[in-house]
Amino acid sequence: MKKWLGVTLATLTLAFSWAMALPGAYQSPAVAAGSVAGPRLEIKQFRFSQPALTIPVGATVTWVNQDDDAHTVTADDGGFTSAGLDRGELFAHEFTAPGTYAYHCALHPKMTATIVVK
């Protein structure tokens, strides 16, 4: 019994560690609960709710998928990306440097938008 329990715990620990390493695979409890402060953008009808958004340095933007199809939030320069988000799932990213960040949905490349950080 002890050997089986040890193998099970080791397997779960490995699986958790692997999942934590995937970009966007783990969302903090705050993100999961939707309590992240800052702008919240919807993904709806195969569009990002705001084609352009200006925010201050240090702001966290949260996207929530309201479509029945999966979508991603993927920076054009590869700086951030979410896993595929199903309906109701969230992705949050903190913008720590000024600049213009173009992003798109990797599953639907015609879905594009921009975050301007000042």
N, C-alpha and C. Protein backbone atom coordinates (compact mmCIF):
# COMPACT_ATOMS: atom_id res chain seq x y z
N MET A 1 0.82 -1.20 0.00
CA MET A 1 0.00 0.00 0.00
C MET A 1 0.87 1.26 0.00
N LYS A 2 1.93 1.29 0.84
CA LYS A 2 2.81 2.46 0.90
C LYS A 2 3.49 2.70 -0.43
N LYS A 3 3.93 1.63 -1.11
CA LYS A 3 4.59 1.78 -2.40
C LYS A 3 3.61 2.36 -3.42
N TRP A 4 2.39 1.87 -3.44
CA TRP A 4 1.37 2.37 -4.37
C TRP A 4 1.09 3.85 -4.12
N LEU A 5 0.96 4.22 -2.85
CA LEU A 5 0.70 5.61 -2.49
C LEU A 5 1.85 6.50 -2.92
N GLY A 6 3.09 6.03 -2.72
CA GLY A 6 4.26 6.80 -3.13
C GLY A 6 4.32 7.01 -4.63
N VAL A 7 4.00 5.98 -5.39
CA VAL A 7 3.98 6.09 -6.85
C VAL A 7 2.88 7.05 -7.29
N THR A 8 1.72 6.98 -6.67
CA THR A 8 0.61 7.87 -7.02
C THR A 8 0.97 9.32 -6.73
N LEU A 9 1.54 9.58 -5.56
CA LEU A 9 1.93 10.95 -5.22
C LEU A 9 3.02 11.47 -6.15
N ALA A 10 3.97 10.62 -6.49
CA ALA A 10 5.03 11.03 -7.42
C ALA A 10 4.45 11.36 -8.79
N THR A 11 3.51 10.55 -9.24
CA THR A 11 2.87 10.78 -10.54
C THR A 11 2.09 12.09 -10.54
N LEU A 12 1.34 12.33 -9.48
CA LEU A 12 0.58 13.58 -9.38
C LEU A 12 1.49 14.80 -9.32
N THR A 13 2.57 14.68 -8.57
CA THR A 13 3.53 15.78 -8.47
C THR A 13 4.15 16.09 -9.82
N LEU A 14 4.53 15.06 -10.56
CA LEU A 14 5.10 15.23 -11.89
C LEU A 14 4.09 15.87 -12.83
N ALA A 15 2.85 15.39 -12.80
CA ALA A 15 1.81 15.94 -13.68
C ALA A 15 1.55 17.40 -13.36
N PHE A 16 1.51 17.75 -12.08
CA PHE A 16 1.28 19.14 -11.69
C PHE A 16 2.44 20.02 -12.14
N SER A 17 3.66 19.55 -11.94
CA SER A 17 4.85 20.32 -12.36
C SER A 17 4.84 20.56 -13.86
N TRP A 18 4.47 19.55 -14.62
CA TRP A 18 4.42 19.67 -16.07
C TRP A 18 3.35 20.68 -16.48
N ALA A 19 2.19 20.61 -15.85
CA ALA A 19 1.10 21.54 -16.19
C ALA A 19 1.48 22.97 -15.85
N MET A 20 2.21 23.17 -14.75
CA MET A 20 2.62 24.52 -14.37
C MET A 20 3.60 25.11 -15.38
N ALA A 21 4.33 24.28 -16.08
CA ALA A 21 5.32 24.77 -17.04
C ALA A 21 4.69 25.22 -18.35
N LEU A 22 3.47 24.84 -18.62
CA LEU A 22 2.81 25.21 -19.86
C LEU A 22 2.30 26.64 -19.77
N PRO A 23 2.57 27.48 -20.78
CA PRO A 23 2.08 28.86 -20.73
C PRO A 23 0.56 28.87 -20.73
N GLY A 24 -0.02 29.57 -19.79
CA GLY A 24 -1.47 29.71 -19.75
C GLY A 24 -2.19 28.48 -19.22
N ALA A 25 -1.47 27.40 -18.90
CA ALA A 25 -2.13 26.18 -18.47
C ALA A 25 -2.65 26.30 -17.05
N TYR A 26 -2.01 27.11 -16.24
CA TYR A 26 -2.44 27.28 -14.86
C TYR A 26 -2.89 28.72 -14.68
N GLN A 27 -4.02 28.88 -14.05
CA GLN A 27 -4.47 30.22 -13.73
C GLN A 27 -4.55 30.33 -12.23
N SER A 28 -4.05 31.42 -11.70
CA SER A 28 -4.09 31.60 -10.26
C SER A 28 -5.54 31.60 -9.79
N PRO A 29 -5.77 31.32 -8.51
CA PRO A 29 -7.14 31.37 -8.01
C PRO A 29 -7.81 32.72 -8.26
N ALA A 30 -7.02 33.81 -8.21
CA ALA A 30 -7.60 35.13 -8.48
C ALA A 30 -8.10 35.23 -9.91
N VAL A 31 -7.33 34.71 -10.86
CA VAL A 31 -7.76 34.73 -12.26
C VAL A 31 -8.97 33.84 -12.44
N ALA A 32 -8.92 32.65 -11.87
CA ALA A 32 -10.03 31.71 -12.01
C ALA A 32 -11.32 32.29 -11.43
N ALA A 33 -11.19 33.07 -10.37
CA ALA A 33 -12.37 33.65 -9.73
C ALA A 33 -12.79 34.95 -10.41
N GLY A 34 -11.97 35.44 -11.34
CA GLY A 34 -12.31 36.67 -12.04
C GLY A 34 -12.06 37.92 -11.21
N SER A 35 -11.21 37.83 -10.17
CA SER A 35 -11.02 38.96 -9.28
C SER A 35 -9.76 39.76 -9.59
N VAL A 36 -9.17 39.55 -10.73
CA VAL A 36 -7.97 40.29 -11.11
C VAL A 36 -8.38 41.74 -11.41
N ALA A 37 -7.66 42.68 -10.78
CA ALA A 37 -7.94 44.09 -11.03
C ALA A 37 -7.38 44.47 -12.40
N GLY A 38 -8.03 45.41 -13.04
CA GLY A 38 -7.55 45.88 -14.34
C GLY A 38 -8.58 45.61 -15.42
N PRO A 39 -8.26 46.02 -16.63
CA PRO A 39 -9.20 45.87 -17.73
C PRO A 39 -9.54 44.39 -18.00
N ARG A 40 -10.77 44.17 -18.35
CA ARG A 40 -11.26 42.83 -18.68
C ARG A 40 -11.85 42.91 -20.09
N LEU A 41 -11.28 42.12 -20.98
CA LEU A 41 -11.74 42.10 -22.38
C LEU A 41 -12.47 40.79 -22.66
N GLU A 42 -13.51 40.88 -23.46
CA GLU A 42 -14.24 39.69 -23.86
C GLU A 42 -13.79 39.23 -25.24
N ILE A 43 -13.85 37.95 -25.43
CA ILE A 43 -13.69 37.36 -26.76
C ILE A 43 -15.08 36.85 -27.12
N LYS A 44 -15.68 37.49 -28.12
CA LYS A 44 -17.08 37.22 -28.43
C LYS A 44 -17.32 37.42 -29.92
N GLN A 45 -18.05 36.50 -30.51
CA GLN A 45 -18.38 36.57 -31.94
C GLN A 45 -17.12 36.68 -32.79
N PHE A 46 -16.10 35.89 -32.41
CA PHE A 46 -14.83 35.82 -33.13
C PHE A 46 -14.16 37.19 -33.23
N ARG A 47 -14.25 37.98 -32.12
CA ARG A 47 -13.59 39.28 -32.03
C ARG A 47 -13.14 39.51 -30.60
N PHE A 48 -12.08 40.30 -30.46
CA PHE A 48 -11.70 40.82 -29.15
C PHE A 48 -12.56 42.06 -28.93
N SER A 49 -13.10 42.24 -27.74
CA SER A 49 -14.09 43.30 -27.50
C SER A 49 -13.56 44.70 -27.76
N GLN A 50 -12.26 44.91 -27.65
CA GLN A 50 -11.69 46.22 -27.98
C GLN A 50 -10.52 46.01 -28.93
N PRO A 51 -10.60 46.55 -30.13
CA PRO A 51 -9.50 46.37 -31.08
C PRO A 51 -8.23 47.06 -30.63
N ALA A 52 -8.35 48.10 -29.79
CA ALA A 52 -7.18 48.80 -29.25
C ALA A 52 -7.51 49.23 -27.83
N LEU A 53 -6.56 49.03 -26.93
CA LEU A 53 -6.76 49.40 -25.53
C LEU A 53 -5.47 50.03 -25.04
N THR A 54 -5.57 51.18 -24.36
CA THR A 54 -4.41 51.84 -23.77
C THR A 54 -4.48 51.66 -22.26
N ILE A 55 -3.35 51.20 -21.69
CA ILE A 55 -3.29 50.94 -20.25
C ILE A 55 -1.98 51.49 -19.69
N PRO A 56 -1.91 51.68 -18.36
CA PRO A 56 -0.65 52.11 -17.76
C PRO A 56 0.29 50.92 -17.55
N VAL A 57 1.58 51.21 -17.45
CA VAL A 57 2.58 50.17 -17.13
C VAL A 57 2.18 49.51 -15.81
N GLY A 58 2.29 48.21 -15.77
CA GLY A 58 1.96 47.45 -14.57
C GLY A 58 0.54 46.95 -14.51
N ALA A 59 -0.30 47.36 -15.46
CA ALA A 59 -1.69 46.89 -15.46
C ALA A 59 -1.76 45.44 -15.94
N THR A 60 -2.73 44.73 -15.41
CA THR A 60 -3.00 43.36 -15.84
C THR A 60 -4.29 43.36 -16.63
N VAL A 61 -4.23 42.81 -17.82
CA VAL A 61 -5.41 42.68 -18.67
C VAL A 61 -5.89 41.24 -18.57
N THR A 62 -7.19 41.06 -18.43
CA THR A 62 -7.79 39.74 -18.36
C THR A 62 -8.74 39.58 -19.54
N TRP A 63 -8.59 38.47 -20.25
CA TRP A 63 -9.48 38.14 -21.36
C TRP A 63 -10.36 36.98 -20.92
N VAL A 64 -11.63 37.01 -21.31
CA VAL A 64 -12.54 35.90 -21.03
C VAL A 64 -13.21 35.50 -22.34
N ASN A 65 -13.20 34.22 -22.63
CA ASN A 65 -13.81 33.72 -23.86
C ASN A 65 -15.31 33.54 -23.65
N GLN A 66 -16.11 34.25 -24.44
CA GLN A 66 -17.56 34.13 -24.39
C GLN A 66 -18.12 33.37 -25.59
N ASP A 67 -17.23 32.87 -26.45
CA ASP A 67 -17.66 32.10 -27.63
C ASP A 67 -17.75 30.62 -27.29
N ASP A 68 -18.49 29.89 -28.12
CA ASP A 68 -18.56 28.44 -27.97
C ASP A 68 -17.31 27.77 -28.51
N ASP A 69 -16.57 28.44 -29.40
CA ASP A 69 -15.32 27.90 -29.94
C ASP A 69 -14.14 28.34 -29.08
N ALA A 70 -13.09 27.54 -29.07
CA ALA A 70 -11.87 27.88 -28.33
C ALA A 70 -11.13 29.01 -29.04
N HIS A 71 -10.43 29.82 -28.25
CA HIS A 71 -9.60 30.91 -28.78
C HIS A 71 -8.33 31.00 -27.94
N THR A 72 -7.31 31.67 -28.49
CA THR A 72 -6.12 31.98 -27.71
C THR A 72 -5.92 33.48 -27.70
N VAL A 73 -5.05 33.92 -26.81
CA VAL A 73 -4.56 35.31 -26.78
C VAL A 73 -3.06 35.17 -26.96
N THR A 74 -2.57 35.52 -28.15
CA THR A 74 -1.18 35.25 -28.52
C THR A 74 -0.51 36.52 -29.05
N ALA A 75 0.55 36.96 -28.38
CA ALA A 75 1.29 38.14 -28.83
C ALA A 75 1.94 37.85 -30.18
N ASP A 76 1.89 38.80 -31.08
CA ASP A 76 2.52 38.64 -32.39
C ASP A 76 4.02 38.38 -32.26
N ASP A 77 4.65 38.96 -31.23
CA ASP A 77 6.10 38.78 -31.04
C ASP A 77 6.43 37.57 -30.16
N GLY A 78 5.43 36.81 -29.77
CA GLY A 78 5.66 35.62 -28.94
C GLY A 78 5.87 35.92 -27.46
N GLY A 79 5.68 37.15 -27.04
CA GLY A 79 5.92 37.55 -25.66
C GLY A 79 4.97 36.94 -24.64
N PHE A 80 3.78 36.58 -25.06
CA PHE A 80 2.84 35.89 -24.18
C PHE A 80 1.87 35.10 -25.05
N THR A 81 1.32 34.07 -24.46
CA THR A 81 0.29 33.29 -25.14
C THR A 81 -0.51 32.51 -24.12
N SER A 82 -1.76 32.35 -24.41
CA SER A 82 -2.61 31.53 -23.56
C SER A 82 -2.73 30.14 -24.17
N ALA A 83 -3.17 29.22 -23.37
CA ALA A 83 -3.61 27.94 -23.91
C ALA A 83 -4.92 28.20 -24.63
N GLY A 84 -5.45 27.22 -25.32
CA GLY A 84 -6.77 27.36 -25.92
C GLY A 84 -7.79 27.58 -24.81
N LEU A 85 -8.54 28.65 -24.91
CA LEU A 85 -9.53 28.99 -23.90
C LEU A 85 -10.90 28.53 -24.36
N ASP A 86 -11.54 27.69 -23.58
CA ASP A 86 -12.92 27.31 -23.86
C ASP A 86 -13.85 28.36 -23.29
N ARG A 87 -15.13 28.24 -23.60
CA ARG A 87 -16.13 29.21 -23.12
C ARG A 87 -16.02 29.38 -21.61
N GLY A 88 -15.94 30.66 -21.18
CA GLY A 88 -15.89 30.98 -19.76
C GLY A 88 -14.49 30.97 -19.16
N GLU A 89 -13.49 30.49 -19.89
CA GLU A 89 -12.14 30.46 -19.34
C GLU A 89 -11.45 31.81 -19.52
N LEU A 90 -10.52 32.08 -18.61
CA LEU A 90 -9.83 33.37 -18.55
C LEU A 90 -8.34 33.22 -18.78
N PHE A 91 -7.76 34.30 -19.27
CA PHE A 91 -6.30 34.42 -19.36
C PHE A 91 -5.96 35.84 -18.94
N ALA A 92 -4.92 35.99 -18.11
CA ALA A 92 -4.49 37.31 -17.66
C ALA A 92 -3.01 37.49 -17.94
N HIS A 93 -2.64 38.72 -18.29
CA HIS A 93 -1.23 39.04 -18.52
C HIS A 93 -0.95 40.44 -17.97
N GLU A 94 0.16 40.55 -17.21
CA GLU A 94 0.59 41.84 -16.70
C GLU A 94 1.58 42.46 -17.67
N PHE A 95 1.35 43.71 -18.02
CA PHE A 95 2.22 44.43 -18.95
C PHE A 95 3.17 45.31 -18.13
N THR A 96 4.44 44.94 -18.13
CA THR A 96 5.42 45.58 -17.25
C THR A 96 6.32 46.60 -17.94
N ALA A 97 6.18 46.75 -19.25
CA ALA A 97 7.03 47.69 -19.99
C ALA A 97 6.18 48.46 -21.00
N PRO A 98 6.50 49.74 -21.20
CA PRO A 98 5.76 50.50 -22.21
C PRO A 98 6.00 49.93 -23.60
N GLY A 99 5.02 50.13 -24.45
CA GLY A 99 5.15 49.68 -25.83
C GLY A 99 3.80 49.37 -26.42
N THR A 100 3.82 48.93 -27.66
CA THR A 100 2.61 48.52 -28.37
C THR A 100 2.68 47.02 -28.58
N TYR A 101 1.68 46.32 -28.11
CA TYR A 101 1.65 44.86 -28.14
C TYR A 101 0.49 44.39 -29.02
N ALA A 102 0.84 43.98 -30.22
CA ALA A 102 -0.17 43.42 -31.12
C ALA A 102 -0.37 41.96 -30.75
N TYR A 103 -1.61 41.51 -30.79
CA TYR A 103 -1.90 40.11 -30.48
C TYR A 103 -3.02 39.59 -31.37
N HIS A 104 -3.18 38.28 -31.36
CA HIS A 104 -4.17 37.61 -32.22
C HIS A 104 -4.60 36.31 -31.58
N CYS A 105 -5.56 35.66 -32.20
CA CYS A 105 -5.95 34.30 -31.82
C CYS A 105 -5.20 33.35 -32.74
N ALA A 106 -4.41 32.45 -32.17
CA ALA A 106 -3.62 31.52 -32.98
C ALA A 106 -4.52 30.54 -33.74
N LEU A 107 -5.72 30.33 -33.26
CA LEU A 107 -6.66 29.42 -33.94
C LEU A 107 -7.45 30.11 -35.03
N HIS A 108 -7.58 31.43 -34.93
CA HIS A 108 -8.34 32.23 -35.89
C HIS A 108 -7.54 33.51 -36.16
N PRO A 109 -6.50 33.44 -37.00
CA PRO A 109 -5.55 34.56 -37.17
C PRO A 109 -6.14 35.89 -37.62
N LYS A 110 -7.36 35.89 -38.13
CA LYS A 110 -7.97 37.16 -38.52
C LYS A 110 -8.47 37.94 -37.30
N MET A 111 -8.50 37.29 -36.15
CA MET A 111 -8.86 37.97 -34.90
C MET A 111 -7.62 38.67 -34.38
N THR A 112 -7.60 40.00 -34.44
CA THR A 112 -6.42 40.75 -34.01
C THR A 112 -6.83 41.94 -33.14
N ALA A 113 -5.90 42.40 -32.32
CA ALA A 113 -6.10 43.58 -31.49
C ALA A 113 -4.75 44.07 -31.01
N THR A 114 -4.76 45.20 -30.28
CA THR A 114 -3.53 45.81 -29.82
C THR A 114 -3.71 46.37 -28.41
N ILE A 115 -2.66 46.21 -27.61
CA ILE A 115 -2.59 46.84 -26.29
C ILE A 115 -1.45 47.87 -26.35
N VAL A 116 -1.75 49.10 -25.99
CA VAL A 116 -0.73 50.15 -25.91
C VAL A 116 -0.49 50.42 -24.43
N VAL A 117 0.76 50.28 -24.03
CA VAL A 117 1.13 50.45 -22.63
C VAL A 117 1.95 51.73 -22.51
N LYS A 118 1.47 52.66 -21.67
CA LYS A 118 2.14 53.96 -21.48
C LYS A 118 2.52 54.14 -20.03
